[in-house]
N, C-alpha and C. Protein backbone atom coordinates (compact mmCIF):
# COMPACT_ATOMS: atom_id res chain seq x y z
N UNK A 1 60.01 249.56 197.06
CA UNK A 1 61.36 249.33 197.52
C UNK A 1 61.46 249.60 199.02
N UNK A 2 62.05 248.68 199.73
CA UNK A 2 62.15 248.79 201.19
C UNK A 2 63.24 249.80 201.57
N UNK A 3 62.91 250.65 202.52
CA UNK A 3 63.87 251.59 203.08
C UNK A 3 64.67 250.85 204.15
N UNK A 4 65.99 250.98 204.13
CA UNK A 4 66.82 250.27 205.10
C UNK A 4 66.78 250.89 206.48
N UNK A 5 66.69 252.23 206.52
CA UNK A 5 66.69 252.89 207.82
C UNK A 5 65.76 254.08 207.80
N UNK A 6 65.27 254.42 208.98
CA UNK A 6 64.43 255.60 209.15
C UNK A 6 65.06 256.45 210.25
N UNK A 7 65.07 257.76 210.02
CA UNK A 7 65.71 258.68 210.95
C UNK A 7 64.65 259.52 211.64
N UNK A 8 64.79 259.64 212.95
CA UNK A 8 63.90 260.48 213.76
C UNK A 8 64.70 261.60 214.40
N UNK A 9 64.14 262.80 214.36
CA UNK A 9 64.67 263.93 215.12
C UNK A 9 63.96 263.91 216.47
N UNK A 10 64.73 263.84 217.54
CA UNK A 10 64.18 263.77 218.90
C UNK A 10 64.54 265.06 219.62
N UNK A 11 63.52 265.69 220.21
CA UNK A 11 63.71 266.92 220.97
C UNK A 11 63.03 266.80 222.32
N UNK A 12 63.60 267.45 223.31
CA UNK A 12 62.95 267.50 224.61
C UNK A 12 61.73 268.41 224.51
N UNK A 13 60.63 267.98 225.11
CA UNK A 13 59.42 268.78 225.13
C UNK A 13 59.52 269.77 226.29
N UNK A 14 59.18 271.03 226.08
CA UNK A 14 59.26 272.01 227.17
C UNK A 14 58.40 271.64 228.38
N UNK A 15 57.36 270.85 228.15
CA UNK A 15 56.46 270.45 229.24
C UNK A 15 56.89 269.12 229.87
N UNK A 16 58.00 268.56 229.39
CA UNK A 16 58.50 267.29 229.91
C UNK A 16 58.40 266.19 228.87
N UNK A 17 59.33 265.27 228.92
CA UNK A 17 59.34 264.16 227.98
C UNK A 17 60.03 264.52 226.68
N UNK A 18 59.72 263.74 225.64
CA UNK A 18 60.39 263.88 224.36
C UNK A 18 59.39 263.77 223.21
N UNK A 19 59.71 264.46 222.11
CA UNK A 19 58.95 264.37 220.87
C UNK A 19 59.88 263.82 219.80
N UNK A 20 59.33 263.01 218.89
CA UNK A 20 60.12 262.46 217.79
C UNK A 20 59.33 262.59 216.51
N UNK A 21 60.01 263.04 215.44
CA UNK A 21 59.38 263.10 214.12
C UNK A 21 60.33 262.49 213.11
N UNK A 22 59.76 261.72 212.21
CA UNK A 22 60.56 261.03 211.20
C UNK A 22 60.89 261.97 210.05
N UNK A 23 62.06 261.80 209.47
CA UNK A 23 62.43 262.53 208.27
C UNK A 23 61.96 261.72 207.06
N UNK A 24 61.20 262.36 206.19
CA UNK A 24 60.75 261.70 204.97
C UNK A 24 59.48 260.88 205.11
N UNK A 25 58.96 260.76 206.29
CA UNK A 25 57.70 260.03 206.53
C UNK A 25 56.84 260.86 207.47
N UNK A 26 55.54 260.65 207.41
CA UNK A 26 54.61 261.38 208.28
C UNK A 26 54.39 260.60 209.57
N UNK A 27 55.44 260.54 210.38
CA UNK A 27 55.37 259.83 211.65
C UNK A 27 55.80 260.78 212.76
N UNK A 28 54.97 260.89 213.79
CA UNK A 28 55.26 261.72 214.96
C UNK A 28 54.79 260.97 216.19
N UNK A 29 55.60 260.99 217.24
CA UNK A 29 55.19 260.37 218.49
C UNK A 29 55.91 261.05 219.65
N UNK A 30 55.54 260.66 220.86
CA UNK A 30 56.14 261.26 222.05
C UNK A 30 56.24 260.22 223.15
N UNK A 31 57.02 260.55 224.16
CA UNK A 31 57.17 259.65 225.31
C UNK A 31 57.71 260.40 226.50
N UNK A 32 57.42 259.91 227.69
CA UNK A 32 57.88 260.55 228.91
C UNK A 32 59.37 260.35 229.14
N UNK A 33 59.87 259.19 228.74
CA UNK A 33 61.30 258.86 228.87
C UNK A 33 61.81 258.42 227.50
N UNK A 34 63.13 258.33 227.36
CA UNK A 34 63.68 257.85 226.09
C UNK A 34 63.29 256.40 225.82
N UNK A 35 63.24 255.58 226.86
CA UNK A 35 62.83 254.18 226.67
C UNK A 35 61.38 254.10 226.18
N UNK A 36 60.51 254.89 226.81
CA UNK A 36 59.10 254.92 226.38
C UNK A 36 59.00 255.45 224.95
N UNK A 37 59.77 256.47 224.65
CA UNK A 37 59.76 257.03 223.29
C UNK A 37 60.17 255.99 222.27
N UNK A 38 61.18 255.20 222.55
CA UNK A 38 61.64 254.16 221.62
C UNK A 38 60.52 253.15 221.35
N UNK A 39 59.83 252.75 222.39
CA UNK A 39 58.70 251.81 222.21
C UNK A 39 57.59 252.46 221.39
N UNK A 40 57.30 253.72 221.66
CA UNK A 40 56.26 254.44 220.91
C UNK A 40 56.66 254.62 219.45
N UNK A 41 57.94 254.82 219.19
CA UNK A 41 58.43 254.92 217.81
C UNK A 41 58.19 253.60 217.08
N UNK A 42 58.51 252.49 217.73
CA UNK A 42 58.27 251.17 217.11
C UNK A 42 56.79 250.99 216.78
N UNK A 43 55.91 251.36 217.72
CA UNK A 43 54.47 251.24 217.49
C UNK A 43 54.02 252.13 216.34
N UNK A 44 54.54 253.37 216.30
CA UNK A 44 54.16 254.31 215.24
C UNK A 44 54.63 253.81 213.87
N UNK A 45 55.82 253.24 213.82
CA UNK A 45 56.34 252.69 212.56
C UNK A 45 55.46 251.53 212.10
N UNK A 46 55.10 250.67 213.03
CA UNK A 46 54.26 249.52 212.70
C UNK A 46 52.91 249.97 212.13
N UNK A 47 52.35 251.03 212.68
CA UNK A 47 51.07 251.56 212.19
C UNK A 47 51.22 252.26 210.84
N UNK A 48 52.38 252.86 210.61
CA UNK A 48 52.60 253.65 209.39
C UNK A 48 52.76 252.79 208.14
N UNK A 49 53.52 251.72 208.26
CA UNK A 49 53.79 250.88 207.09
C UNK A 49 52.73 249.78 206.98
N UNK A 50 52.22 249.62 205.76
CA UNK A 50 51.14 248.65 205.53
C UNK A 50 51.59 247.21 205.69
N UNK A 51 52.79 246.92 205.22
CA UNK A 51 53.29 245.54 205.27
C UNK A 51 54.51 245.45 206.18
N UNK A 52 54.59 244.36 206.91
CA UNK A 52 55.70 244.13 207.83
C UNK A 52 57.04 244.15 207.09
N UNK A 53 57.06 243.65 205.87
CA UNK A 53 58.32 243.61 205.10
C UNK A 53 58.78 245.00 204.65
N UNK A 54 57.93 246.02 204.73
CA UNK A 54 58.30 247.39 204.38
C UNK A 54 58.92 248.16 205.55
N UNK A 55 58.82 247.61 206.75
CA UNK A 55 59.34 248.29 207.93
C UNK A 55 60.88 248.31 207.87
N UNK A 56 61.49 249.49 208.04
CA UNK A 56 62.96 249.58 208.00
C UNK A 56 63.61 248.75 209.10
N UNK A 57 64.80 248.22 208.81
CA UNK A 57 65.53 247.41 209.78
C UNK A 57 66.20 248.26 210.86
N UNK A 58 66.57 249.49 210.50
CA UNK A 58 67.33 250.34 211.42
C UNK A 58 66.53 251.61 211.72
N UNK A 59 66.48 251.95 213.01
CA UNK A 59 65.86 253.20 213.45
C UNK A 59 66.98 254.04 214.05
N UNK A 60 67.21 255.19 213.44
CA UNK A 60 68.27 256.09 213.91
C UNK A 60 67.64 257.31 214.58
N UNK A 61 68.14 257.63 215.78
CA UNK A 61 67.64 258.78 216.52
C UNK A 61 68.69 259.88 216.52
N UNK A 62 68.32 261.06 216.08
CA UNK A 62 69.16 262.25 216.20
C UNK A 62 68.57 263.06 217.35
N UNK A 63 69.24 263.02 218.48
CA UNK A 63 68.72 263.68 219.67
C UNK A 63 69.29 265.10 219.73
N UNK A 64 68.37 266.07 219.69
CA UNK A 64 68.73 267.48 219.66
C UNK A 64 68.51 268.07 221.05
N UNK A 65 69.54 268.71 221.57
CA UNK A 65 69.41 269.36 222.88
C UNK A 65 69.77 270.83 222.66
N UNK A 66 68.83 271.68 222.97
CA UNK A 66 69.06 273.11 222.82
C UNK A 66 69.60 273.68 224.12
N UNK A 67 70.66 274.47 223.99
CA UNK A 67 71.27 275.07 225.17
C UNK A 67 71.79 276.45 224.78
N UNK A 68 71.62 277.40 225.67
CA UNK A 68 72.14 278.74 225.44
C UNK A 68 73.04 279.13 226.60
N UNK A 69 74.00 280.02 226.29
CA UNK A 69 74.86 280.53 227.34
C UNK A 69 75.36 281.90 226.92
N UNK A 70 75.83 282.67 227.89
CA UNK A 70 76.31 284.03 227.63
C UNK A 70 77.76 284.00 227.18
N UNK A 71 78.08 284.88 226.30
CA UNK A 71 79.45 285.01 225.80
C UNK A 71 80.36 285.64 226.86
N UNK A 72 79.82 286.53 227.63
CA UNK A 72 80.61 287.30 228.61
C UNK A 72 80.91 286.49 229.83
């Protein structure tokens, strides 16, 4: 059964760039910019699924940005 969408958690890498990991699939990739990351995600998806018809139509990115601040 074809999955309609695949979700990636995207986080900034402490050393620069971005990391992305898929939920429910063993897919991980990285990129220096968000545009590069998107292209790398497409390539990783293509490598992960055996048949072109199994590739999800929608790629959803959940971009996580960690930030801390003082209460005082």
